[in-house]
Amino acid sequence: FAAFRANPTETNQRVRGLHTSYCHLLPPGDRWRNMCHAASPMQLFMILQSDDATYNLGKPHEVESAYNGLAMYPMSLIRSRGKAAQYDSGDDNQRCEHVGFHLSLRNTMYVNPKWSMNLKP
């Protein structure tokens, strides 16, 4: 959950605002800032909406960040970003490192709903 960041849309604007308020309950630098993304009900709402086939019509959809065991990056993109492409835990050192890496690539990221991670095969 911590690596997922919904692409800002008009549809999820209110839920994103509630999520931000939830995550700012404690000051920067507090460990809560990292844990809030895994504990936030609003984060779960955005993940479920993103995963809903009626919302994305079963097609790949844009996100700011996501990670659930596998992410594929074009090597040319990583090479073109050079040293700027790196894991980053944020200003207060409490952000999931995958989010920092995805933001450092400065490229569109997609989730393909045809891929699924089976926790109970």
Foldseek 3Di string as FASTA:
>chain_A
DQFFAADDDPVLVVLVVVLVVQLPPDPQLDLSNRVSCVVPPSNVVRVVLLLDCVNVVQAKDWTLGDDDPDDDDDVVLVVVLPPLQAFDCDPSNNGDRRSSNSVSSVDIDIDRSVDDDDPPD
